């Protein structure tokens, strides 16, 4: 459930949300349509997502089921191009 807009800029908008299935706070980022359809940006986004998922440290957030969600978003041309702990 989307709770509120946290911020927006040239790279898209980030929303605070609640994962009602796992009952945790999450952040959702939606990119402008023109960025979501660029194959180079999609590739960069996927590399950044893989890098973020590979991190494991107590001071860095954990990404759960990120790849499945990203895939579903990509099918609808929605991507998070700047995925990193500071944006989650």
Protein backbone atom coordinates (compact mmCIF):
# COMPACT_ATOMS: atom_id res chain seq x y z
CA UNK A 1 0.00 0.00 0.00
CA UNK A 2 1.48 3.36 -1.03
CA UNK A 3 1.58 5.76 1.92
CA UNK A 4 3.10 9.01 0.67
CA UNK A 5 5.42 10.65 -1.83
CA UNK A 6 8.93 10.98 -0.39
CA UNK A 7 10.48 12.92 -3.24
CA UNK A 8 10.64 13.41 -6.97
CA UNK A 9 13.18 14.58 -9.49
CA UNK A 10 14.52 14.03 -12.96
CA UNK A 11 15.01 10.32 -12.32
CA UNK A 12 11.48 9.68 -11.06
CA UNK A 13 9.44 9.64 -7.87
CA UNK A 14 9.99 7.68 -4.65
CA UNK A 15 7.08 6.67 -2.44
CA UNK A 16 6.93 5.29 1.10
CA UNK A 17 4.84 2.15 1.10
CA UNK A 18 3.91 -0.80 3.25
CA UNK A 19 4.43 -4.37 2.16
CA UNK A 20 1.17 -5.75 3.56
CA UNK A 21 2.19 -9.36 2.98
CA UNK A 22 5.46 -9.13 4.94
CA UNK A 23 4.31 -6.20 7.09
CA UNK A 24 7.33 -3.99 6.57
CA UNK A 25 8.07 -0.52 5.33
CA UNK A 26 9.43 -0.25 1.79
CA UNK A 27 10.23 2.38 -0.79
CA UNK A 28 8.98 2.28 -4.36
CA UNK A 29 10.60 4.25 -7.14
CA UNK A 30 8.88 4.92 -10.45
CA UNK A 31 10.79 6.35 -13.36
CA UNK A 32 9.48 8.65 -16.07
CA UNK A 33 8.23 6.70 -19.05
CA UNK A 34 10.97 8.04 -21.34
CA UNK A 35 13.65 6.52 -19.07
CA UNK A 36 11.81 3.23 -18.61
CA UNK A 37 11.87 2.47 -22.34
CA UNK A 38 15.60 3.07 -22.93
CA UNK A 39 17.41 -0.31 -23.27
CA UNK A 40 20.71 1.17 -22.00
CA UNK A 41 19.02 2.55 -18.89
CA UNK A 42 17.26 -0.76 -18.30
CA UNK A 43 20.60 -2.57 -18.47
CA UNK A 44 22.19 -0.11 -16.08
CA UNK A 45 19.28 -0.48 -13.70
CA UNK A 46 19.57 -4.26 -13.72
CA UNK A 47 23.33 -4.06 -13.00
CA UNK A 48 22.69 -1.68 -10.11
CA UNK A 49 19.96 -3.97 -8.74
CA UNK A 50 22.29 -6.97 -8.87
CA UNK A 51 24.98 -4.97 -7.08
CA UNK A 52 22.61 -3.83 -4.34
CA UNK A 53 21.27 -7.35 -3.78
CA UNK A 54 24.83 -8.65 -3.38
CA UNK A 55 25.51 -6.36 -0.39
CA UNK A 56 25.26 -7.90 3.06
CA UNK A 57 26.05 -5.69 6.07
CA UNK A 58 24.10 -4.73 9.23
CA UNK A 59 24.11 -1.05 8.19
CA UNK A 60 22.80 -1.76 4.70
CA UNK A 61 19.19 -2.65 4.06
CA UNK A 62 18.29 -6.04 2.67
CA UNK A 63 16.37 -6.37 -0.54
CA UNK A 64 13.76 -9.14 -0.46
CA UNK A 65 12.24 -10.62 -3.60
CA UNK A 66 13.61 -7.61 -5.54
CA UNK A 67 14.28 -9.48 -8.79
CA UNK A 68 10.73 -10.82 -9.16
CA UNK A 69 9.25 -7.41 -8.50
CA UNK A 70 11.65 -5.75 -10.89
CA UNK A 71 10.78 -8.24 -13.59
CA UNK A 72 7.06 -7.57 -13.14
CA UNK A 73 7.72 -3.82 -13.24
CA UNK A 74 9.90 -4.14 -16.36
CA UNK A 75 7.11 -5.95 -18.19
CA UNK A 76 5.06 -2.76 -17.64
CA UNK A 77 8.07 -0.54 -18.59
CA UNK A 78 8.57 0.66 -15.00
CA UNK A 79 12.15 0.58 -13.71
CA UNK A 80 14.22 1.77 -10.75
CA UNK A 81 17.44 2.95 -12.34
CA UNK A 82 19.22 4.10 -9.20
CA UNK A 83 18.71 1.24 -6.78
CA UNK A 84 21.03 1.46 -3.79
CA UNK A 85 20.63 1.37 -0.02
CA UNK A 86 20.20 5.14 0.23
CA UNK A 87 17.18 4.97 -2.11
CA UNK A 88 15.43 2.06 -0.46
